[in-house]
Amino acid sequence: GCIGGHRNGENLDWYIYGNGTYYYDGGDYYTGGWAASNRQGTGSYYWAEDDRTFVGQWSAGARNGAGVVYDENQNIEHSGIWFNGAQVGIFE
């Protein structure tokens, strides 16, 4: 859900829909598509603690589909396919 921060986008019936940015406590944030307050479609998630970013596909709030993780210097750390938040394939 969307607790503990604020977001920039559309809000319908207390659910986030459309495109926007949500800022989490601790400095993390997600920018991209939303459906029923879940990360959905294309988006990027930034982890403040280790300065890494995932850019790729989301479904039902989890990483699902193709994506790339960038390190703190914006170099590709790894890329591949994710399913329910876990990486299941690697792009060579």
Protein backbone atom coordinates (compact mmCIF):
# COMPACT_ATOMS: atom_id res chain seq x y z
CA GLY A 1 0.00 0.00 0.00
CA CYS A 2 0.85 3.64 0.06
CA ILE A 3 1.59 4.39 3.68
CA GLY A 4 4.42 6.45 5.13
CA GLY A 5 5.10 8.98 2.41
CA HIS A 6 3.56 11.09 -0.31
CA ARG A 7 3.17 10.84 -4.06
CA ASN A 8 2.72 13.01 -7.06
CA GLY A 9 0.03 11.76 -9.49
CA GLU A 10 -3.67 11.02 -9.68
CA ASN A 11 -5.58 9.71 -6.67
CA LEU A 12 -9.01 8.16 -7.21
CA ASP A 13 -11.02 6.78 -4.28
CA TRP A 14 -7.86 6.59 -2.16
CA TYR A 15 -6.09 4.41 -4.74
CA ILE A 16 -3.22 5.62 -6.89
CA TYR A 17 -3.82 5.26 -10.64
CA GLY A 18 -1.91 6.54 -13.65
CA ASN A 19 1.67 7.75 -13.56
CA GLY A 20 3.42 9.42 -10.67
CA THR A 21 6.14 9.34 -8.05
CA TYR A 22 5.77 7.96 -4.54
CA TYR A 23 8.34 8.83 -1.87
CA TYR A 24 8.88 6.27 0.90
CA ASP A 25 10.31 6.90 4.35
CA GLY A 26 14.08 6.50 4.30
CA GLY A 27 14.58 8.16 0.91
CA ASP A 28 13.45 5.39 -1.46
CA TYR A 29 11.09 6.38 -4.27
CA TYR A 30 9.23 4.86 -7.21
CA THR A 31 8.37 6.69 -10.43
CA GLY A 32 6.13 5.10 -13.03
CA GLY A 33 2.79 3.45 -13.58
CA TRP A 34 0.26 2.70 -10.84
CA ALA A 35 -2.94 0.63 -10.71
CA ALA A 36 -4.98 0.26 -7.51
CA SER A 37 -2.01 1.64 -5.50
CA ASN A 38 0.36 -1.02 -6.87
CA ARG A 39 3.43 -0.39 -9.00
CA GLN A 40 2.28 -1.41 -12.49
CA GLY A 41 3.74 -1.18 -16.01
CA THR A 42 7.04 0.59 -16.65
CA GLY A 43 8.76 2.25 -13.73
CA SER A 44 11.92 2.83 -11.74
CA TYR A 45 12.62 2.23 -8.05
CA TYR A 46 15.50 3.93 -6.25
CA TRP A 47 16.99 2.44 -3.05
CA ALA A 48 18.58 5.27 -1.06
CA GLU A 49 20.50 2.98 1.33
CA ASP A 50 22.79 1.55 -1.36
CA ASP A 51 22.18 4.15 -4.12
CA ARG A 52 20.89 1.60 -6.66
CA THR A 53 18.04 1.87 -9.17
CA PHE A 54 15.87 -0.74 -10.88
CA VAL A 55 14.33 0.29 -14.19
CA GLY A 56 11.87 -2.07 -15.83
CA GLN A 57 8.50 -3.77 -15.75
CA TRP A 58 6.19 -4.09 -12.73
CA SER A 59 3.00 -6.03 -12.09
CA ALA A 60 0.90 -6.18 -8.91
CA GLY A 61 3.55 -4.13 -7.07
CA ALA A 62 6.51 -6.46 -7.80
CA ARG A 63 9.24 -6.56 -10.43
CA ASN A 64 7.81 -8.69 -13.26
CA GLY A 65 9.33 -8.77 -16.73
CA ALA A 66 12.49 -7.25 -18.19
CA GLY A 67 14.58 -4.90 -16.10
CA VAL A 68 18.00 -3.46 -15.32
CA VAL A 69 19.65 -2.66 -11.98
CA TYR A 70 22.06 0.28 -11.98
CA ASP A 71 24.73 0.83 -9.33
CA GLU A 72 25.57 4.11 -7.57
CA ASN A 73 27.57 5.28 -10.64
CA GLN A 74 24.69 4.45 -13.03
CA ASN A 75 26.62 1.49 -14.46
CA ILE A 76 24.62 -1.65 -15.24
CA GLU A 77 24.95 -3.99 -12.26
CA HIS A 78 22.80 -6.72 -13.83
CA SER A 79 19.88 -7.11 -16.20
CA GLY A 80 17.38 -9.81 -16.89
CA ILE A 81 13.88 -11.10 -16.27
CA TRP A 82 12.05 -10.87 -12.93
CA PHE A 83 9.04 -12.82 -11.69
CA ASN A 84 7.20 -11.79 -8.52
CA GLY A 85 10.18 -9.68 -7.44
CA ALA A 86 12.88 -12.35 -7.95
CA GLN A 87 15.32 -12.40 -10.83
CA VAL A 88 14.74 -15.60 -12.86
CA GLY A 89 16.73 -14.89 -16.04
CA ILE A 90 19.85 -13.01 -17.11
CA PHE A 91 20.49 -11.00 -20.27
CA GLU A 92 23.89 -11.78 -21.76
